Protein backbone atom coordinates (compact mmCIF):
# COMPACT_ATOMS: atom_id res chain seq x y z
CA UNK A 1 -0.13 -0.16 0.10
CA UNK A 2 3.08 2.49 0.64
CA UNK A 3 4.08 1.93 -2.81
CA UNK A 4 0.99 2.96 -4.08
CA UNK A 5 0.60 5.95 -2.03
CA UNK A 6 3.89 7.04 -2.88
CA UNK A 7 3.29 6.58 -6.64
CA UNK A 8 -0.01 8.79 -6.30
CA UNK A 9 1.34 11.33 -4.38
CA UNK A 10 4.43 11.68 -6.69
CA UNK A 11 2.20 11.74 -9.82
CA UNK A 12 0.24 14.37 -8.23
CA UNK A 13 3.17 16.61 -7.14
CA UNK A 14 4.36 16.13 -10.85
CA UNK A 15 1.20 17.07 -12.48
CA UNK A 16 -0.09 19.81 -10.38
CA UNK A 17 -0.04 22.40 -13.17
CA UNK A 18 -0.90 19.74 -15.89
CA UNK A 19 -4.75 19.10 -15.15
CA UNK A 20 -5.74 17.64 -18.43
CA UNK A 21 -3.92 14.66 -17.87
CA UNK A 22 -6.37 13.77 -14.89
CA UNK A 23 -9.11 11.80 -17.09
CA UNK A 24 -6.60 9.54 -19.00
CA UNK A 25 -4.54 8.95 -15.86
CA UNK A 26 -7.55 7.70 -13.91
CA UNK A 27 -8.62 5.45 -16.54
CA UNK A 28 -4.99 4.17 -16.77
CA UNK A 29 -4.48 3.74 -13.27
CA UNK A 30 -7.93 2.23 -12.03
CA UNK A 31 -9.89 0.22 -14.80
CA UNK A 32 -11.49 -1.92 -12.24
CA UNK A 33 -12.65 0.75 -9.58
CA UNK A 34 -14.24 2.44 -12.61
CA UNK A 35 -16.05 -0.46 -13.50
CA UNK A 36 -16.83 -1.21 -10.29
CA UNK A 37 -18.24 2.34 -9.70
CA UNK A 38 -20.32 2.61 -12.85
CA UNK A 39 -21.86 -1.20 -12.01
CA UNK A 40 -22.78 -0.19 -8.37
CA UNK A 41 -22.64 3.56 -7.65
CA UNK A 42 -25.87 4.51 -9.10
CA UNK A 43 -27.60 2.44 -6.26
CA UNK A 44 -25.20 3.83 -3.62
CA UNK A 45 -24.54 7.44 -4.28
CA UNK A 46 -23.32 7.88 -0.87
CA UNK A 47 -20.66 5.24 -1.35
CA UNK A 48 -17.69 6.03 1.34
CA UNK A 49 -14.67 6.67 -0.55
CA UNK A 50 -12.73 5.33 2.04
CA UNK A 51 -13.60 1.74 0.68
CA UNK A 52 -11.01 2.34 -1.96
CA UNK A 53 -7.51 1.26 -1.00
CA UNK A 54 -5.81 4.42 -2.64
CA UNK A 55 -7.91 6.61 -0.33
CA UNK A 56 -5.97 5.08 2.83
CA UNK A 57 -2.98 7.01 1.90
CA UNK A 58 -3.37 9.78 4.58
CA UNK A 59 -5.48 12.05 2.50
CA UNK A 60 -6.33 14.32 5.52
CA UNK A 61 -2.91 14.83 6.51
CA UNK A 62 -2.17 18.74 6.49
CA UNK A 63 1.51 17.89 5.17
CA UNK A 64 0.20 16.89 1.78
CA UNK A 65 -1.32 19.92 0.30
CA UNK A 66 -1.66 18.64 -2.90
CA UNK A 67 -3.91 15.86 -1.51
CA UNK A 68 -7.18 17.47 -3.51
CA UNK A 69 -5.15 16.51 -6.86
CA UNK A 70 -5.47 12.93 -5.99
CA UNK A 71 -9.28 13.45 -5.17
CA UNK A 72 -9.39 15.02 -8.51
CA UNK A 73 -7.90 12.27 -10.27
CA UNK A 74 -10.51 9.84 -8.74
CA UNK A 75 -13.51 11.97 -9.31
CA UNK A 76 -13.18 11.35 -13.14
CA UNK A 77 -13.78 7.50 -12.42
CA UNK A 78 -15.50 7.20 -8.90
CA UNK A 79 -18.41 8.93 -10.57
CA UNK A 80 -19.56 10.23 -6.92
CA UNK A 81 -21.50 12.85 -8.52
CA UNK A 82 -22.85 15.77 -6.41
CA UNK A 83 -25.45 16.52 -9.01
CA UNK A 84 -26.42 12.78 -9.46
CA UNK A 85 -30.26 12.61 -10.28
CA UNK A 86 -30.88 16.35 -10.12
CA UNK A 87 -32.41 18.30 -12.51
CA UNK A 88 -30.65 20.88 -14.50
CA UNK A 89 -32.30 23.61 -12.41
CA UNK A 90 -31.25 22.08 -9.16
CA UNK A 91 -27.54 21.53 -10.75
CA UNK A 92 -27.47 25.45 -11.42
CA UNK A 93 -28.87 26.37 -8.05
CA UNK A 94 -26.68 24.29 -6.43
CA UNK A 95 -23.45 25.47 -7.85
CA UNK A 96 -24.73 29.28 -7.74
CA UNK A 97 -25.03 28.85 -3.97
CA UNK A 98 -21.47 27.37 -3.60
CA UNK A 99 -20.01 30.22 -5.72
CA UNK A 100 -21.80 32.74 -3.91
CA UNK A 101 -21.31 31.73 -0.53
CA UNK A 102 -17.40 31.30 -1.16
CA UNK A 103 -17.37 34.62 -2.84
CA UNK A 104 -18.77 36.32 0.08
CA UNK A 105 -16.69 34.46 2.62
CA UNK A 106 -12.91 35.82 2.89
CA UNK A 107 -12.18 33.18 5.63
CA UNK A 108 -13.53 30.37 3.10
CA UNK A 109 -11.62 31.74 0.19
CA UNK A 110 -8.19 31.54 2.31
CA UNK A 111 -8.80 27.93 3.20
CA UNK A 112 -9.49 27.02 -0.36
CA UNK A 113 -6.32 29.06 -1.52
CA UNK A 114 -4.13 26.94 0.77
CA UNK A 115 -5.02 23.95 -0.67
CA UNK A 116 -4.52 25.07 -4.34
CA UNK A 117 -7.99 26.25 -5.18
CA UNK A 118 -7.50 30.02 -5.12
CA UNK A 119 -10.07 32.73 -6.15
CA UNK A 120 -9.17 32.58 -9.85
CA UNK A 121 -10.56 28.79 -9.57
CA UNK A 122 -13.58 30.11 -8.00
CA UNK A 123 -14.32 32.28 -10.81
CA UNK A 124 -13.49 29.73 -13.34
CA UNK A 125 -16.35 27.90 -11.88
CA UNK A 126 -18.82 31.06 -12.09
CA UNK A 127 -17.87 31.10 -15.85
CA UNK A 128 -18.78 27.42 -16.27
CA UNK A 129 -22.08 28.10 -14.34
CA UNK A 130 -22.85 31.11 -16.92
CA UNK A 131 -21.99 29.11 -19.81
CA UNK A 132 -23.88 26.15 -18.99
CA UNK A 133 -27.01 28.55 -18.05
CA UNK A 134 -26.34 29.91 -21.64
CA UNK A 135 -26.16 26.80 -23.25
CA UNK A 136 -29.53 25.50 -21.47
CA UNK A 137 -31.30 28.69 -22.73
CA UNK A 138 -29.94 27.67 -26.15
CA UNK A 139 -31.16 24.17 -25.86
CA UNK A 140 -34.61 25.52 -24.80
CA UNK A 141 -34.88 27.77 -27.51
CA UNK A 142 -34.11 25.13 -30.26
CA UNK A 143 -36.21 22.57 -28.86
CA UNK A 144 -39.12 25.18 -28.99
CA UNK A 145 -38.49 26.19 -32.66
CA UNK A 146 -38.08 22.33 -33.21
CA UNK A 147 -41.67 21.63 -31.50
CA UNK A 148 -43.15 24.52 -33.66
CA UNK A 149 -41.90 23.38 -37.09
CA UNK A 150 -43.17 19.79 -36.17
CA UNK A 151 -46.61 21.12 -35.19
CA UNK A 152 -46.71 22.66 -38.41
CA UNK A 153 -45.57 20.10 -40.37
CA UNK A 154 -47.91 17.63 -39.00
CA UNK A 155 -50.80 20.17 -39.68
CA UNK A 156 -49.41 20.77 -43.33
CA UNK A 157 -48.88 17.49 -44.02
CA UNK A 158 -52.52 16.09 -42.84
CA UNK A 159 -54.16 18.96 -45.03
CA UNK A 160 -52.15 18.19 -48.08
CA UNK A 161 -52.85 14.43 -47.86
CA UNK A 162 -56.63 15.15 -47.72
CA UNK A 163 -56.31 17.69 -50.50
CA UNK A 164 -54.38 15.11 -52.50
CA UNK A 165 -56.76 12.05 -51.69
CA UNK A 166 -59.85 14.30 -52.92
CA UNK A 167 -58.05 15.35 -55.94
CA UNK A 168 -57.21 11.58 -56.95
CA UNK A 169 -60.71 10.46 -56.23
CA UNK A 170 -62.12 13.34 -58.85
CA UNK A 171 -59.71 12.30 -61.56
CA UNK A 172 -60.21 8.21 -60.96
CA UNK A 173 -64.05 9.05 -61.46
CA UNK A 174 -63.26 10.59 -64.74
CA UNK A 175 -60.73 8.70 -65.78
CA UNK A 176 -61.77 5.31 -64.45
CA UNK A 177 -62.44 3.74 -68.02
CA UNK A 178 -58.94 5.22 -69.35
CA UNK A 179 -55.98 3.18 -67.59
CA UNK A 180 -53.40 4.69 -69.89
CA UNK A 181 -54.14 7.90 -68.16
CA UNK A 182 -54.38 6.59 -64.68
CA UNK A 183 -51.09 4.94 -65.52
CA UNK A 184 -49.34 8.12 -66.79
CA UNK A 185 -50.60 9.93 -63.75
CA UNK A 186 -49.32 7.05 -61.31
CA UNK A 187 -52.69 6.61 -59.73
CA UNK A 188 -53.61 3.18 -61.09
CA UNK A 189 -51.90 1.61 -57.97
CA UNK A 190 -52.29 2.21 -53.94
CA UNK A 191 -50.95 5.47 -52.54
CA UNK A 192 -47.71 5.21 -50.97
CA UNK A 193 -47.52 4.93 -47.37
CA UNK A 194 -43.82 6.51 -46.91
CA UNK A 195 -44.03 10.23 -46.49
CA UNK A 196 -41.35 10.89 -48.74
CA UNK A 197 -42.61 8.38 -51.57
CA UNK A 198 -45.92 10.09 -51.02
CA UNK A 199 -44.67 13.43 -52.06
CA UNK A 200 -42.86 12.57 -54.92
CA UNK A 201 -46.03 11.17 -56.24
CA UNK A 202 -48.05 14.04 -55.37
CA UNK A 203 -45.47 16.32 -56.91
CA UNK A 204 -45.62 14.32 -60.06
CA UNK A 205 -49.38 14.16 -60.05
CA UNK A 206 -49.90 17.82 -59.70
CA UNK A 207 -47.22 18.50 -62.38
CA UNK A 208 -49.06 16.10 -64.85
CA UNK A 209 -52.61 16.54 -64.03
CA UNK A 210 -52.99 19.69 -66.05
CA UNK A 211 -52.56 18.07 -69.18
CA UNK A 212 -55.22 16.13 -68.57
CA UNK A 213 -57.71 18.74 -66.98
CA UNK A 214 -60.33 19.35 -69.79
CA UNK A 215 -62.93 16.92 -68.81
CA UNK A 216 -62.46 17.91 -65.13
CA UNK A 217 -62.98 21.17 -65.52
CA UNK A 218 -66.10 20.60 -67.46
CA UNK A 219 -67.28 17.96 -65.01
CA UNK A 220 -66.07 19.32 -61.40
CA UNK A 221 -65.13 23.04 -62.53
CA UNK A 222 -61.41 22.60 -61.49
CA UNK A 223 -59.56 25.58 -62.91
CA UNK A 224 -55.74 24.82 -63.94
CA UNK A 225 -55.09 27.23 -60.98
CA UNK A 226 -56.06 24.44 -58.92
CA UNK A 227 -52.91 22.26 -59.70
CA UNK A 228 -50.70 24.62 -59.47
CA UNK A 229 -51.68 25.99 -56.14
CA UNK A 230 -51.99 22.30 -55.15
CA UNK A 231 -48.40 21.76 -56.44
CA UNK A 232 -46.76 24.90 -54.39
CA UNK A 233 -48.64 23.49 -51.41
CA UNK A 234 -46.28 20.42 -51.96
CA UNK A 235 -43.08 22.61 -52.34
CA UNK A 236 -43.88 24.09 -49.33
CA UNK A 237 -44.30 21.24 -47.54
CA UNK A 238 -41.11 19.85 -48.62
CA UNK A 239 -39.57 22.97 -47.60
CA UNK A 240 -41.11 22.70 -44.02
CA UNK A 241 -39.64 19.01 -44.00
CA UNK A 242 -35.99 20.46 -44.80
CA UNK A 243 -36.80 23.10 -41.87
CA UNK A 244 -37.78 20.06 -39.62
CA UNK A 245 -34.74 18.22 -40.11
CA UNK A 246 -32.34 21.22 -39.78
CA UNK A 247 -34.23 22.45 -36.36
CA UNK A 248 -33.67 18.69 -35.02
CA UNK A 249 -30.02 18.73 -35.88
CA UNK A 250 -29.85 22.17 -34.38
CA UNK A 251 -31.70 20.94 -31.24
CA UNK A 252 -29.29 17.72 -30.99
CA UNK A 253 -26.19 19.96 -31.36
CA UNK A 254 -27.49 22.64 -28.80
CA UNK A 255 -28.18 19.75 -26.57
CA UNK A 256 -24.78 18.07 -26.88
CA UNK A 257 -23.22 21.63 -26.27
CA UNK A 258 -25.20 21.97 -23.13
CA UNK A 259 -24.39 18.64 -21.78
CA UNK A 260 -20.70 19.00 -22.27
CA UNK A 261 -20.95 22.74 -20.16
CA UNK A 262 -22.89 20.64 -17.69
CA UNK A 263 -20.07 17.98 -17.40
CA UNK A 264 -17.67 20.62 -16.96
CA UNK A 265 -19.70 22.26 -13.93
CA UNK A 266 -20.06 19.02 -12.42
CA UNK A 267 -16.56 18.13 -12.52
CA UNK A 268 -15.58 21.51 -11.28
CA UNK A 269 -18.22 21.09 -8.19
CA UNK A 270 -16.84 17.57 -7.58
CA UNK A 271 -13.50 18.79 -7.13
CA UNK A 272 -14.32 21.75 -5.06
CA UNK A 273 -16.31 19.66 -2.62
CA UNK A 274 -13.03 17.14 -2.50
CA UNK A 275 -10.81 19.95 -1.54
CA UNK A 276 -13.28 21.12 0.89
CA UNK A 277 -13.42 17.91 2.91
CA UNK A 278 -9.76 18.91 3.50
CA UNK A 279 -9.56 22.28 3.58
CA UNK A 280 -12.87 22.81 5.79
CA UNK A 281 -12.37 19.89 8.03
CA UNK A 282 -11.76 21.55 10.88
CA UNK A 283 -14.74 24.02 10.41
CA UNK A 284 -18.04 22.08 9.70
CA UNK A 285 -20.03 25.03 9.56
CA UNK A 286 -18.27 26.40 6.49
CA UNK A 287 -18.85 22.85 4.86
CA UNK A 288 -22.71 23.21 5.64
CA UNK A 289 -22.68 26.57 4.07
CA UNK A 290 -21.47 24.66 0.80
CA UNK A 291 -24.45 22.43 1.24
CA UNK A 292 -22.10 19.68 2.19
CA UNK A 293 -23.11 17.20 5.50
CA UNK A 294 -20.11 17.71 7.86
CA UNK A 295 -18.30 14.53 8.82
């Protein structure tokens, strides 16, 4: 165990300023604990970190000011998320409360600074919170736009299908004894069920039917403008379909960006709380001010 502790402490000292190495190092050093955590911690979010052998390395010894880095290393695979199961609004509220309490408390800032978490790192968390909130607002906006476009698409599609069915019925009535015309208009078979196939057929039908409109106008009073208007509606429907796909892609992209920022914020909160366990261990009241249960 001593060798493991020595290696971990040495790694923390050497890579103090290279925080980007932490996720990779965690994956390399602790494959099994990472699997175990992923398998069991969802059922035990308060899992005691002391269960891991590495944490018996005198983590609470004040002679090791870089111990919080070891916490950081393990935070990436232990998944002891301080935000597990919380809504996004609750995550924002928790992070904001932590940040504001630290910014208002000089004594707390001094404790954190002594353990390598200066005011600059607190401001970093504030920035992450701001960006995450902006991404959340963008995600909600994109989803609202996507919803509105979907509703418009559904309404326009249903209306276009009704109109097409009515027009095809009239044409079939007039040309029921003329299979050649029916075949030329592609209405001699069943209407396609797939939306894209149906739109292709409807566009073809409205493009070709004006050439056979004389009997239709004589019997039903259908003017040539009827077909041009119907064709415009199909083109508009196709345009809405493209908009719908674009808005869906935008919403997915915004969600991914939001999730990335939430992950960064969550990692920052976890790291801060790990540091707080050490930096504020002599002052339970300060821990409670950060929403932590003093041990």
